[in-house]
Amino acid sequence: SWGSAYGIVGAWGTWVARRRDNGRLINADSPDRLRELLLRDYQ
């Protein structure tokens, strides 16, 4: 869903996305929370 805008890795309570334009990191403790943060960030 988000790979063209963010580099995403995650497992076992650590989920991280890095914006592809400026490198800013977004951290979450679950994939659902990361999805919420990605939506907010992208909006």
PDB file of all heavy atoms in Angstrom:
ATOM      1  N   SER A   1       0.806  -1.221   0.000  1.00  0.00           N
ATOM      2  CA  SER A   1       0.000   0.000   0.000  1.00  0.00           C
ATOM      3  C   SER A   1       0.836   1.267   0.000  1.00  0.00           C
ATOM      4  O   SER A   1       0.486   2.248  -0.644  1.00  0.00           O
ATOM      5  CB  SER A   1      -0.912   0.025   1.223  1.00  0.00           C
ATOM      6  OG  SER A   1      -1.809  -1.050   1.205  1.00  0.00           O
ATOM      7  N   TRP A   2       1.934   1.267   0.754  1.00  0.00           N
ATOM      8  CA  TRP A   2       2.689   2.493   1.014  1.00  0.00           C
ATOM      9  C   TRP A   2       4.120   2.478   0.500  1.00  0.00           C
ATOM     10  O   TRP A   2       4.841   3.468   0.636  1.00  0.00           O
ATOM     11  CB  TRP A   2       2.716   2.751   2.522  1.00  0.00           C
ATOM     12  CG  TRP A   2       1.362   3.034   3.069  1.00  0.00           C
ATOM     13  CD1 TRP A   2       0.542   2.152   3.718  1.00  0.00           C
ATOM     14  CD2 TRP A   2       0.666   4.263   3.031  1.00  0.00           C
ATOM     15  NE1 TRP A   2      -0.618   2.769   4.069  1.00  0.00           N
ATOM     16  CE2 TRP A   2      -0.571   4.082   3.660  1.00  0.00           C
ATOM     17  CE3 TRP A   2       0.967   5.523   2.513  1.00  0.00           C
ATOM     18  CZ2 TRP A   2      -1.504   5.097   3.790  1.00  0.00           C
ATOM     19  CZ3 TRP A   2       0.041   6.538   2.649  1.00  0.00           C
ATOM     20  CH2 TRP A   2      -1.188   6.314   3.277  1.00  0.00           C
ATOM     21  N   GLY A   3       4.565   1.401  -0.096  1.00  0.00           N
ATOM     22  CA  GLY A   3       5.967   1.230  -0.455  1.00  0.00           C
ATOM     23  C   GLY A   3       6.537   2.244  -1.430  1.00  0.00           C
ATOM     24  O   GLY A   3       7.741   2.473  -1.436  1.00  0.00           O
ATOM     25  N   SER A   4       5.699   2.867  -2.251  1.00  0.00           N
ATOM     26  CA  SER A   4       6.240   3.857  -3.179  1.00  0.00           C
ATOM     27  C   SER A   4       6.534   5.185  -2.486  1.00  0.00           C
ATOM     28  O   SER A   4       7.270   6.011  -3.011  1.00  0.00           O
ATOM     29  CB  SER A   4       5.281   4.080  -4.348  1.00  0.00           C
ATOM     30  OG  SER A   4       4.063   4.621  -3.901  1.00  0.00           O
ATOM     31  N   ALA A   5       6.003   5.379  -1.286  1.00  0.00           N
ATOM     32  CA  ALA A   5       6.218   6.627  -0.545  1.00  0.00           C
ATOM     33  C   ALA A   5       7.088   6.434   0.698  1.00  0.00           C
ATOM     34  O   ALA A   5       7.742   7.381   1.149  1.00  0.00           O
ATOM     35  CB  ALA A   5       4.876   7.234  -0.145  1.00  0.00           C
ATOM     36  N   TYR A   6       7.111   5.218   1.252  1.00  0.00           N
ATOM     37  CA  TYR A   6       7.821   4.946   2.501  1.00  0.00           C
ATOM     38  C   TYR A   6       8.560   3.618   2.396  1.00  0.00           C
ATOM     39  O   TYR A   6       8.033   2.650   1.853  1.00  0.00           O
ATOM     40  CB  TYR A   6       6.844   4.826   3.677  1.00  0.00           C
ATOM     41  CG  TYR A   6       6.008   6.045   3.931  1.00  0.00           C
ATOM     42  CD1 TYR A   6       4.820   6.263   3.252  1.00  0.00           C
ATOM     43  CD2 TYR A   6       6.402   6.989   4.871  1.00  0.00           C
ATOM     44  CE1 TYR A   6       4.036   7.384   3.495  1.00  0.00           C
ATOM     45  CE2 TYR A   6       5.625   8.119   5.125  1.00  0.00           C
ATOM     46  CZ  TYR A   6       4.443   8.305   4.433  1.00  0.00           C
ATOM     47  OH  TYR A   6       3.675   9.413   4.672  1.00  0.00           O
ATOM     48  N   GLY A   7       9.753   3.562   2.969  1.00  0.00           N
ATOM     49  CA  GLY A   7      10.420   2.292   3.185  1.00  0.00           C
ATOM     50  C   GLY A   7       9.909   1.752   4.507  1.00  0.00           C
ATOM     51  O   GLY A   7       9.923   2.470   5.512  1.00  0.00           O
ATOM     52  N   ILE A   8       9.430   0.514   4.547  1.00  0.00           N
ATOM     53  CA  ILE A   8       8.764  -0.012   5.744  1.00  0.00           C
ATOM     54  C   ILE A   8       9.383  -1.328   6.165  1.00  0.00           C
ATOM     55  O   ILE A   8       9.592  -2.221   5.345  1.00  0.00           O
ATOM     56  CB  ILE A   8       7.264  -0.212   5.465  1.00  0.00           C
ATOM     57  CG1 ILE A   8       6.621   1.116   5.057  1.00  0.00           C
ATOM     58  CG2 ILE A   8       6.559  -0.802   6.685  1.00  0.00           C
ATOM     59  CD1 ILE A   8       5.221   0.990   4.522  1.00  0.00           C
ATOM     60  N   VAL A   9       9.666  -1.437   7.466  1.00  0.00           N
ATOM     61  CA  VAL A   9      10.123  -2.684   8.078  1.00  0.00           C
ATOM     62  C   VAL A   9       9.352  -2.880   9.373  1.00  0.00           C
ATOM     63  O   VAL A   9       8.865  -1.925   9.967  1.00  0.00           O
ATOM     64  CB  VAL A   9      11.647  -2.688   8.351  1.00  0.00           C
ATOM     65  CG1 VAL A   9      12.431  -2.605   7.059  1.00  0.00           C
ATOM     66  CG2 VAL A   9      12.042  -1.566   9.279  1.00  0.00           C
ATOM     67  N   GLY A  10       9.252  -4.129   9.806  1.00  0.00           N
ATOM     68  CA  GLY A  10       8.565  -4.344  11.064  1.00  0.00           C
ATOM     69  C   GLY A  10       8.502  -5.793  11.470  1.00  0.00           C
ATOM     70  O   GLY A  10       8.491  -6.685  10.626  1.00  0.00           O
ATOM     71  N   ALA A  11       8.479  -5.993  12.783  1.00  0.00           N
ATOM     72  CA  ALA A  11       8.313  -7.307  13.389  1.00  0.00           C
ATOM     73  C   ALA A  11       8.305  -7.147  14.896  1.00  0.00           C
ATOM     74  O   ALA A  11       8.926  -6.227  15.432  1.00  0.00           O
ATOM     75  CB  ALA A  11       9.428  -8.252  12.967  1.00  0.00           C
ATOM     76  N   TRP A  12       7.606  -8.027  15.570  1.00  0.00           N
ATOM     77  CA  TRP A  12       7.633  -8.160  17.030  1.00  0.00           C
ATOM     78  C   TRP A  12       7.558  -6.843  17.796  1.00  0.00           C
ATOM     79  O   TRP A  12       8.404  -6.538  18.633  1.00  0.00           O
ATOM     80  CB  TRP A  12       8.859  -8.938  17.481  1.00  0.00           C
ATOM     81  CG  TRP A  12       8.931 -10.282  16.850  1.00  0.00           C
ATOM     82  CD1 TRP A  12       8.020 -11.291  16.965  1.00  0.00           C
ATOM     83  CD2 TRP A  12       9.938 -10.770  15.984  1.00  0.00           C
ATOM     84  NE1 TRP A  12       8.402 -12.362  16.220  1.00  0.00           N
ATOM     85  CE2 TRP A  12       9.597 -12.073  15.603  1.00  0.00           C
ATOM     86  CE3 TRP A  12      11.104 -10.226  15.478  1.00  0.00           C
ATOM     87  CZ2 TRP A  12      10.366 -12.837  14.766  1.00  0.00           C
ATOM     88  CZ3 TRP A  12      11.874 -10.994  14.639  1.00  0.00           C
ATOM     89  CH2 TRP A  12      11.498 -12.283  14.308  1.00  0.00           C
ATOM     90  N   GLY A  13       6.569  -6.031  17.488  1.00  0.00           N
ATOM     91  CA  GLY A  13       6.347  -4.819  18.262  1.00  0.00           C
ATOM     92  C   GLY A  13       7.174  -3.614  17.852  1.00  0.00           C
ATOM     93  O   GLY A  13       7.114  -2.583  18.515  1.00  0.00           O
ATOM     94  N   THR A  14       7.947  -3.724  16.782  1.00  0.00           N
ATOM     95  CA  THR A  14       8.716  -2.588  16.288  1.00  0.00           C
ATOM     96  C   THR A  14       8.440  -2.436  14.798  1.00  0.00           C
ATOM     97  O   THR A  14       8.828  -3.285  13.999  1.00  0.00           O
ATOM     98  CB  THR A  14      10.228  -2.800  16.513  1.00  0.00           C
ATOM     99  OG1 THR A  14      10.465  -3.012  17.903  1.00  0.00           O
ATOM    100  CG2 THR A  14      11.016  -1.589  16.040  1.00  0.00           C
ATOM    101  N   TRP A  15       7.762  -1.359  14.451  1.00  0.00           N
ATOM    102  CA  TRP A  15       7.379  -1.084  13.064  1.00  0.00           C
ATOM    103  C   TRP A  15       7.860   0.312  12.720  1.00  0.00           C
ATOM    104  O   TRP A  15       7.608   1.263  13.451  1.00  0.00           O
ATOM    105  CB  TRP A  15       5.860  -1.207  12.914  1.00  0.00           C
ATOM    106  CG  TRP A  15       5.419  -2.607  13.171  1.00  0.00           C
ATOM    107  CD1 TRP A  15       5.202  -3.192  14.387  1.00  0.00           C
ATOM    108  CD2 TRP A  15       5.196  -3.612  12.202  1.00  0.00           C
ATOM    109  NE1 TRP A  15       4.859  -4.507  14.229  1.00  0.00           N
ATOM    110  CE2 TRP A  15       4.840  -4.785  12.890  1.00  0.00           C
ATOM    111  CE3 TRP A  15       5.257  -3.637  10.814  1.00  0.00           C
ATOM    112  CZ2 TRP A  15       4.552  -5.975  12.233  1.00  0.00           C
ATOM    113  CZ3 TRP A  15       4.964  -4.815  10.156  1.00  0.00           C
ATOM    114  CH2 TRP A  15       4.612  -5.971  10.865  1.00  0.00           C
ATOM    115  N   VAL A  16       8.588   0.424  11.609  1.00  0.00           N
ATOM    116  CA  VAL A  16       9.203   1.699  11.238  1.00  0.00           C
ATOM    117  C   VAL A  16       8.971   1.970   9.754  1.00  0.00           C
ATOM    118  O   VAL A  16       9.129   1.074   8.918  1.00  0.00           O
ATOM    119  CB  VAL A  16      10.721   1.692  11.521  1.00  0.00           C
ATOM    120  CG1 VAL A  16      11.358   3.020  11.141  1.00  0.00           C
ATOM    121  CG2 VAL A  16      10.999   1.363  12.978  1.00  0.00           C
ATOM    122  N   ALA A  17       8.628   3.211   9.454  1.00  0.00           N
ATOM    123  CA  ALA A  17       8.529   3.665   8.068  1.00  0.00           C
ATOM    124  C   ALA A  17       9.448   4.869   7.905  1.00  0.00           C
ATOM    125  O   ALA A  17       9.521   5.725   8.786  1.00  0.00           O
ATOM    126  CB  ALA A  17       7.097   4.047   7.737  1.00  0.00           C
ATOM    127  N   ARG A  18      10.155   4.919   6.785  1.00  0.00           N
ATOM    128  CA  ARG A  18      11.028   6.061   6.470  1.00  0.00           C
ATOM    129  C   ARG A  18      10.483   6.709   5.204  1.00  0.00           C
ATOM    130  O   ARG A  18      10.354   6.056   4.174  1.00  0.00           O
ATOM    131  CB  ARG A  18      12.463   5.613   6.240  1.00  0.00           C
ATOM    132  CG  ARG A  18      13.393   6.778   5.873  1.00  0.00           C
ATOM    133  CD  ARG A  18      14.806   6.324   5.544  1.00  0.00           C
ATOM    134  NE  ARG A  18      15.450   5.675   6.650  1.00  0.00           N
ATOM    135  CZ  ARG A  18      16.210   6.289   7.563  1.00  0.00           C
ATOM    136  NH1 ARG A  18      16.408   7.583   7.475  1.00  0.00           N
ATOM    137  NH2 ARG A  18      16.761   5.619   8.529  1.00  0.00           N
ATOM    138  N   ARG A  19      10.174   8.010   5.319  1.00  0.00           N
ATOM    139  CA  ARG A  19       9.699   8.744   4.147  1.00  0.00           C
ATOM    140  C   ARG A  19      10.767   8.718   3.063  1.00  0.00           C
ATOM    141  O   ARG A  19      11.945   8.921   3.336  1.00  0.00           O
ATOM    142  CB  ARG A  19       9.390  10.194   4.512  1.00  0.00           C
ATOM    143  CG  ARG A  19       8.136  10.362   5.349  1.00  0.00           C
ATOM    144  CD  ARG A  19       7.884  11.832   5.635  1.00  0.00           C
ATOM    145  NE  ARG A  19       7.708  12.602   4.422  1.00  0.00           N
ATOM    146  CZ  ARG A  19       6.537  13.044   3.971  1.00  0.00           C
ATOM    147  NH1 ARG A  19       5.431  12.796   4.640  1.00  0.00           N
ATOM    148  NH2 ARG A  19       6.470  13.745   2.863  1.00  0.00           N
ATOM    149  N   ARG A  20      10.370   8.472   1.841  1.00  0.00           N
ATOM    150  CA  ARG A  20      11.320   8.397   0.735  1.00  0.00           C
ATOM    151  C   ARG A  20      11.774   9.775   0.265  1.00  0.00           C
ATOM    152  O   ARG A  20      12.789   9.886  -0.409  1.00  0.00           O
ATOM    153  CB  ARG A  20      10.723   7.615  -0.420  1.00  0.00           C
ATOM    154  CG  ARG A  20      10.499   6.149  -0.064  1.00  0.00           C
ATOM    155  CD  ARG A  20      10.309   5.317  -1.301  1.00  0.00           C
ATOM    156  NE  ARG A  20       9.959   3.942  -0.982  1.00  0.00           N
ATOM    157  CZ  ARG A  20      10.828   2.981  -0.716  1.00  0.00           C
ATOM    158  NH1 ARG A  20      12.109   3.244  -0.703  1.00  0.00           N
ATOM    159  NH2 ARG A  20      10.419   1.757  -0.450  1.00  0.00           N
ATOM    160  N   ASP A  21      11.059  10.835   0.643  1.00  0.00           N
ATOM    161  CA  ASP A  21      11.466  12.172   0.194  1.00  0.00           C
ATOM    162  C   ASP A  21      12.436  12.851   1.143  1.00  0.00           C
ATOM    163  O   ASP A  21      13.402  13.454   0.716  1.00  0.00           O
ATOM    164  CB  ASP A  21      10.247  13.062  -0.069  1.00  0.00           C
ATOM    165  CG  ASP A  21       9.368  13.270   1.156  1.00  0.00           C
ATOM    166  OD1 ASP A  21       9.530  12.559   2.172  1.00  0.00           O
ATOM    167  OD2 ASP A  21       8.500  14.155   1.087  1.00  0.00           O
ATOM    168  N   ASN A  22      12.223  12.745   2.444  1.00  0.00           N
ATOM    169  CA  ASN A  22      13.084  13.461   3.384  1.00  0.00           C
ATOM    170  C   ASN A  22      13.713  12.563   4.455  1.00  0.00           C
ATOM    171  O   ASN A  22      14.452  13.037   5.294  1.00  0.00           O
ATOM    172  CB  ASN A  22      12.335  14.622   4.033  1.00  0.00           C
ATOM    173  CG  ASN A  22      11.164  14.174   4.875  1.00  0.00           C
ATOM    174  OD1 ASN A  22      11.059  13.022   5.281  1.00  0.00           O
ATOM    175  ND2 ASN A  22      10.253  15.096   5.147  1.00  0.00           N
ATOM    176  N   GLY A  23      13.402  11.273   4.442  1.00  0.00           N
ATOM    177  CA  GLY A  23      14.018  10.329   5.365  1.00  0.00           C
ATOM    178  C   GLY A  23      13.475  10.322   6.780  1.00  0.00           C
ATOM    179  O   GLY A  23      13.969   9.579   7.621  1.00  0.00           O
ATOM    180  N   ARG A  24      12.462  11.133   7.061  1.00  0.00           N
ATOM    181  CA  ARG A  24      11.900  11.168   8.419  1.00  0.00           C
ATOM    182  C   ARG A  24      11.331   9.805   8.788  1.00  0.00           C
ATOM    183  O   ARG A  24      10.686   9.146   7.982  1.00  0.00           O
ATOM    184  CB  ARG A  24      10.813  12.231   8.521  1.00  0.00           C
ATOM    185  CG  ARG A  24      10.354  12.451   9.964  1.00  0.00           C
ATOM    186  CD  ARG A  24       9.505  13.695  10.085  1.00  0.00           C
ATOM    187  NE  ARG A  24       8.228  13.579   9.410  1.00  0.00           N
ATOM    188  CZ  ARG A  24       7.146  12.983   9.931  1.00  0.00           C
ATOM    189  NH1 ARG A  24       7.200  12.443  11.117  1.00  0.00           N
ATOM    190  NH2 ARG A  24       6.029  12.935   9.250  1.00  0.00           N
ATOM    191  N   LEU A  25      11.585   9.387  10.032  1.00  0.00           N
ATOM    192  CA  LEU A  25      11.121   8.093  10.524  1.00  0.00           C
ATOM    193  C   LEU A  25       9.797   8.219  11.248  1.00  0.00           C
ATOM    194  O   LEU A  25       9.557   9.190  11.972  1.00  0.00           O
ATOM    195  CB  LEU A  25      12.144   7.481  11.472  1.00  0.00           C
ATOM    196  CG  LEU A  25      13.503   7.140  10.880  1.00  0.00           C
ATOM    197  CD1 LEU A  25      14.436   6.625  11.970  1.00  0.00           C
ATOM    198  CD2 LEU A  25      13.366   6.121   9.769  1.00  0.00           C
ATOM    199  N   ILE A  26       8.970   7.195  11.081  1.00  0.00           N
ATOM    200  CA  ILE A  26       7.712   7.072  11.797  1.00  0.00           C
ATOM    201  C   ILE A  26       7.759   5.718  12.489  1.00  0.00           C
ATOM    202  O   ILE A  26       7.959   4.691  11.838  1.00  0.00           O
ATOM    203  CB  ILE A  26       6.518   7.156  10.837  1.00  0.00           C
ATOM    204  CG1 ILE A  26       6.530   8.495  10.104  1.00  0.00           C
ATOM    205  CG2 ILE A  26       5.205   6.937  11.580  1.00  0.00           C
ATOM    206  CD1 ILE A  26       5.565   8.581   8.955  1.00  0.00           C
ATOM    207  N   ASN A  27       7.593   5.708  13.810  1.00  0.00           N
ATOM    208  CA  ASN A  27       7.697   4.479  14.602  1.00  0.00           C
ATOM    209  C   ASN A  27       6.353   4.126  15.222  1.00  0.00           C
ATOM    210  O   ASN A  27       5.610   5.009  15.636  1.00  0.00           O
ATOM    211  CB  ASN A  27       8.703   4.667  15.742  1.00  0.00           C
ATOM    212  CG  ASN A  27      10.084   4.951  15.221  1.00  0.00           C
ATOM    213  OD1 ASN A  27      10.727   4.072  14.686  1.00  0.00           O
ATOM    214  ND2 ASN A  27      10.530   6.188  15.363  1.00  0.00           N
ATOM    215  N   ALA A  28       6.085   2.814  15.323  1.00  0.00           N
ATOM    216  CA  ALA A  28       4.858   2.339  15.954  1.00  0.00           C
ATOM    217  C   ALA A  28       5.117   0.980  16.592  1.00  0.00           C
ATOM    218  O   ALA A  28       6.105   0.320  16.281  1.00  0.00           O
ATOM    219  CB  ALA A  28       3.740   2.239  14.923  1.00  0.00           C
ATOM    220  N   ASP A  29       4.190   0.571  17.451  1.00  0.00           N
ATOM    221  CA  ASP A  29       4.339  -0.714  18.122  1.00  0.00           C
ATOM    222  C   ASP A  29       3.500  -1.824  17.486  1.00  0.00           C
ATOM    223  O   ASP A  29       3.526  -2.959  17.940  1.00  0.00           O
ATOM    224  CB  ASP A  29       4.025  -0.599  19.606  1.00  0.00           C
ATOM    225  CG  ASP A  29       2.604  -0.117  19.874  1.00  0.00           C
ATOM    226  OD1 ASP A  29       1.832   0.097  18.917  1.00  0.00           O
ATOM    227  OD2 ASP A  29       2.273   0.062  21.059  1.00  0.00           O
ATOM    228  N   SER A  30       2.763  -1.484  16.424  1.00  0.00           N
ATOM    229  CA  SER A  30       1.962  -2.485  15.720  1.00  0.00           C
ATOM    230  C   SER A  30       1.764  -2.042  14.273  1.00  0.00           C
ATOM    231  O   SER A  30       1.856  -0.849  13.964  1.00  0.00           O
ATOM    232  CB  SER A  30       0.604  -2.662  16.392  1.00  0.00           C
ATOM    233  OG  SER A  30      -0.218  -1.539  16.140  1.00  0.00           O
ATOM    234  N   PRO A  31       1.470  -2.992  13.397  1.00  0.00           N
ATOM    235  CA  PRO A  31       1.231  -2.611  12.003  1.00  0.00           C
ATOM    236  C   PRO A  31      -0.020  -1.737  11.854  1.00  0.00           C
ATOM    237  O   PRO A  31      -0.044  -0.826  11.030  1.00  0.00           O
ATOM    238  CB  PRO A  31       1.092  -3.938  11.273  1.00  0.00           C
ATOM    239  CG  PRO A  31       0.834  -4.955  12.322  1.00  0.00           C
ATOM    240  CD  PRO A  31       1.429  -4.428  13.586  1.00  0.00           C
ATOM    241  N   ASP A  32      -1.037  -1.983  12.660  1.00  0.00           N
ATOM    242  CA  ASP A  32      -2.250  -1.158  12.584  1.00  0.00           C
ATOM    243  C   ASP A  32      -1.962   0.278  12.996  1.00  0.00           C
ATOM    244  O   ASP A  32      -2.442   1.221  12.368  1.00  0.00           O
ATOM    245  CB  ASP A  32      -3.365  -1.735  13.458  1.00  0.00           C
ATOM    246  CG  ASP A  32      -3.921  -3.037  12.908  1.00  0.00           C
ATOM    247  OD1 ASP A  32      -3.812  -3.267  11.681  1.00  0.00           O
ATOM    248  OD2 ASP A  32      -4.449  -3.829  13.706  1.00  0.00           O
ATOM    249  N   ARG A  33      -1.173   0.448  14.043  1.00  0.00           N
ATOM    250  CA  ARG A  33      -0.810   1.799  14.482  1.00  0.00           C
ATOM    251  C   ARG A  33       0.064   2.485  13.436  1.00  0.00           C
ATOM    252  O   ARG A  33      -0.111   3.677  13.169  1.00  0.00           O
ATOM    253  CB  ARG A  33      -0.099   1.746  15.839  1.00  0.00           C
ATOM    254  CG  ARG A  33       0.309   3.087  16.367  1.00  0.00           C
ATOM    255  CD  ARG A  33      -0.893   3.955  16.688  1.00  0.00           C
ATOM    256  NE  ARG A  33      -0.442   5.230  17.222  1.00  0.00           N
ATOM    257  CZ  ARG A  33      -1.024   6.389  16.981  1.00  0.00           C
ATOM    258  NH1 ARG A  33      -2.125   6.430  16.264  1.00  0.00           N
ATOM    259  NH2 ARG A  33      -0.534   7.496  17.470  1.00  0.00           N
ATOM    260  N   LEU A  34       0.997   1.757  12.833  1.00  0.00           N
ATOM    261  CA  LEU A  34       1.833   2.353  11.799  1.00  0.00           C
ATOM    262  C   LEU A  34       0.971   2.803  10.625  1.00  0.00           C
ATOM    263  O   LEU A  34       1.160   3.891  10.089  1.00  0.00           O
ATOM    264  CB  LEU A  34       2.912   1.372  11.330  1.00  0.00           C
ATOM    265  CG  LEU A  34       3.891   1.942  10.306  1.00  0.00           C
ATOM    266  CD1 LEU A  34       4.621   3.181  10.849  1.00  0.00           C
ATOM    267  CD2 LEU A  34       4.890   0.884   9.874  1.00  0.00           C
ATOM    268  N   ARG A  35      -0.006   1.999  10.245  1.00  0.00           N
ATOM    269  CA  ARG A  35      -0.908   2.384   9.157  1.00  0.00           C
ATOM    270  C   ARG A  35      -1.630   3.688   9.497  1.00  0.00           C
ATOM    271  O   ARG A  35      -1.736   4.583   8.659  1.00  0.00           O
ATOM    272  CB  ARG A  35      -1.916   1.272   8.881  1.00  0.00           C
ATOM    273  CG  ARG A  35      -2.840   1.590   7.736  1.00  0.00           C
ATOM    274  CD  ARG A  35      -3.874   0.469   7.531  1.00  0.00           C
ATOM    275  NE  ARG A  35      -4.829   0.864   6.535  1.00  0.00           N
ATOM    276  CZ  ARG A  35      -5.862   1.681   6.749  1.00  0.00           C
ATOM    277  NH1 ARG A  35      -6.066   2.204   7.929  1.00  0.00           N
ATOM    278  NH2 ARG A  35      -6.694   1.990   5.768  1.00  0.00           N
ATOM    279  N   GLU A  36      -2.120   3.819  10.722  1.00  0.00           N
ATOM    280  CA  GLU A  36      -2.790   5.060  11.154  1.00  0.00           C
ATOM    281  C   GLU A  36      -1.844   6.252  11.039  1.00  0.00           C
ATOM    282  O   GLU A  36      -2.232   7.319  10.557  1.00  0.00           O
ATOM    283  CB  GLU A  36      -3.261   4.940  12.600  1.00  0.00           C
ATOM    284  CG  GLU A  36      -4.381   3.965  12.818  1.00  0.00           C
ATOM    285  CD  GLU A  36      -4.654   3.736  14.296  1.00  0.00           C
ATOM    286  OE1 GLU A  36      -4.112   4.490  15.146  1.00  0.00           O
ATOM    287  OE2 GLU A  36      -5.402   2.800  14.613  1.00  0.00           O
ATOM    288  N   LEU A  37      -0.608   6.070  11.495  1.00  0.00           N
ATOM    289  CA  LEU A  37       0.372   7.161  11.448  1.00  0.00           C
ATOM    290  C   LEU A  37       0.763   7.513  10.013  1.00  0.00           C
ATOM    291  O   LEU A  37       0.969   8.687   9.692  1.00  0.00           O
ATOM    292  CB  LEU A  37       1.608   6.788  12.272  1.00  0.00           C
ATOM    293  CG  LEU A  37       1.377   6.649  13.773  1.00  0.00           C
ATOM    294  CD1 LEU A  37       2.628   6.107  14.458  1.00  0.00           C
ATOM    295  CD2 LEU A  37       0.939   7.965  14.383  1.00  0.00           C
ATOM    296  N   LEU A  38       0.848   6.501   9.147  1.00  0.00           N
ATOM    297  CA  LEU A  38       1.146   6.764   7.741  1.00  0.00           C
ATOM    298  C   LEU A  38       0.025   7.570   7.090  1.00  0.00           C
ATOM    299  O   LEU A  38       0.287   8.523   6.351  1.00  0.00           O
ATOM    300  CB  LEU A  38       1.367   5.460   6.979  1.00  0.00           C
ATOM    301  CG  LEU A  38       2.639   4.697   7.305  1.00  0.00           C
ATOM    302  CD1 LEU A  38       2.645   3.331   6.623  1.00  0.00           C
ATOM    303  CD2 LEU A  38       3.868   5.491   6.928  1.00  0.00           C
ATOM    304  N   LEU A  39      -1.203   7.196   7.364  1.00  0.00           N
ATOM    305  CA  LEU A  39      -2.340   7.942   6.824  1.00  0.00           C
ATOM    306  C   LEU A  39      -2.286   9.405   7.254  1.00  0.00           C
ATOM    307  O   LEU A  39      -2.441  10.316   6.437  1.00  0.00           O
ATOM    308  CB  LEU A  39      -3.662   7.319   7.288  1.00  0.00           C
ATOM    309  CG  LEU A  39      -4.087   6.048   6.588  1.00  0.00           C
ATOM    310  CD1 LEU A  39      -5.236   5.388   7.344  1.00  0.00           C
ATOM    311  CD2 LEU A  39      -4.500   6.339   5.162  1.00  0.00           C
ATOM    312  N   ARG A  40      -2.054   9.628   8.530  1.00  0.00           N
ATOM    313  CA  ARG A  40      -1.996  10.993   9.069  1.00  0.00           C
ATOM    314  C   ARG A  40      -0.824  11.762   8.457  1.00  0.00           C
ATOM    315  O   ARG A  40      -0.972  12.910   8.040  1.00  0.00           O
ATOM    316  CB  ARG A  40      -1.868  10.954  10.586  1.00  0.00           C
ATOM    317  CG  ARG A  40      -1.951  12.328  11.215  1.00  0.00           C
ATOM    318  CD  ARG A  40      -1.922  12.288  12.721  1.00  0.00           C
ATOM    319  NE  ARG A  40      -2.911  11.353  13.225  1.00  0.00           N
ATOM    320  CZ  ARG A  40      -2.753  10.623  14.320  1.00  0.00           C
ATOM    321  NH1 ARG A  40      -1.643  10.715  15.035  1.00  0.00           N
ATOM    322  NH2 ARG A  40      -3.699   9.795  14.724  1.00  0.00           N
ATOM    323  N   ASP A  41       0.339  11.124   8.397  1.00  0.00           N
ATOM    324  CA  ASP A  41       1.521  11.772   7.848  1.00  0.00           C
ATOM    325  C   ASP A  41       1.308  12.148   6.386  1.00  0.00           C
ATOM    326  O   ASP A  41       1.612  13.258   5.969  1.00  0.00           O
ATOM    327  CB  ASP A  41       2.745  10.857   7.981  1.00  0.00           C
ATOM    328  CG  ASP A  41       4.014  11.503   7.480  1.00  0.00           C
ATOM    329  OD1 ASP A  41       4.507  12.439   8.146  1.00  0.00           O
ATOM    330  OD2 ASP A  41       4.500  11.091   6.412  1.00  0.00           O
ATOM    331  N   TYR A  42       0.766  11.215   5.621  1.00  0.00           N
ATOM    332  CA  TYR A  42       0.571  11.450   4.199  1.00  0.00           C
ATOM    333  C   TYR A  42      -0.486  12.523   3.953  1.00  0.00           C
ATOM    334  O   TYR A  42      -0.367  13.324   3.031  1.00  0.00           O
ATOM    335  CB  TYR A  42       0.192  10.148   3.497  1.00  0.00           C
ATOM    336  CG  TYR A  42       0.316  10.238   2.000  1.00  0.00           C
ATOM    337  CD1 TYR A  42       1.534  10.036   1.380  1.00  0.00           C
ATOM    338  CD2 TYR A  42      -0.788  10.545   1.213  1.00  0.00           C
ATOM    339  CE1 TYR A  42       1.666  10.128   0.001  1.00  0.00           C
ATOM    340  CE2 TYR A  42      -0.670  10.633  -0.168  1.00  0.00           C
ATOM    341  CZ  TYR A  42       0.552  10.430  -0.759  1.00  0.00           C
ATOM    342  OH  TYR A  42       0.681  10.526  -2.121  1.00  0.00           O
ATOM    343  N   GLN A  43      -1.526  12.559   4.779  1.00  0.00           N
ATOM    344  CA  GLN A  43      -2.549  13.602   4.653  1.00  0.00           C
ATOM    345  C   GLN A  43      -1.965  14.976   4.967  1.00  0.00           C
ATOM    346  O   GLN A  43      -2.294  15.953   4.303  1.00  0.00           O
ATOM    347  CB  GLN A  43      -3.735  13.319   5.565  1.00  0.00           C
ATOM    348  CG  GLN A  43      -4.590  12.174   5.080  1.00  0.00           C
ATOM    349  CD  GLN A  43      -5.654  11.772   6.076  1.00  0.00           C
ATOM    350  OE1 GLN A  43      -5.603  12.112   7.254  1.00  0.00           O
ATOM    351  NE2 GLN A  43      -6.640  11.031   5.605  1.00  0.00           N
TER     352      GLN A  43
END
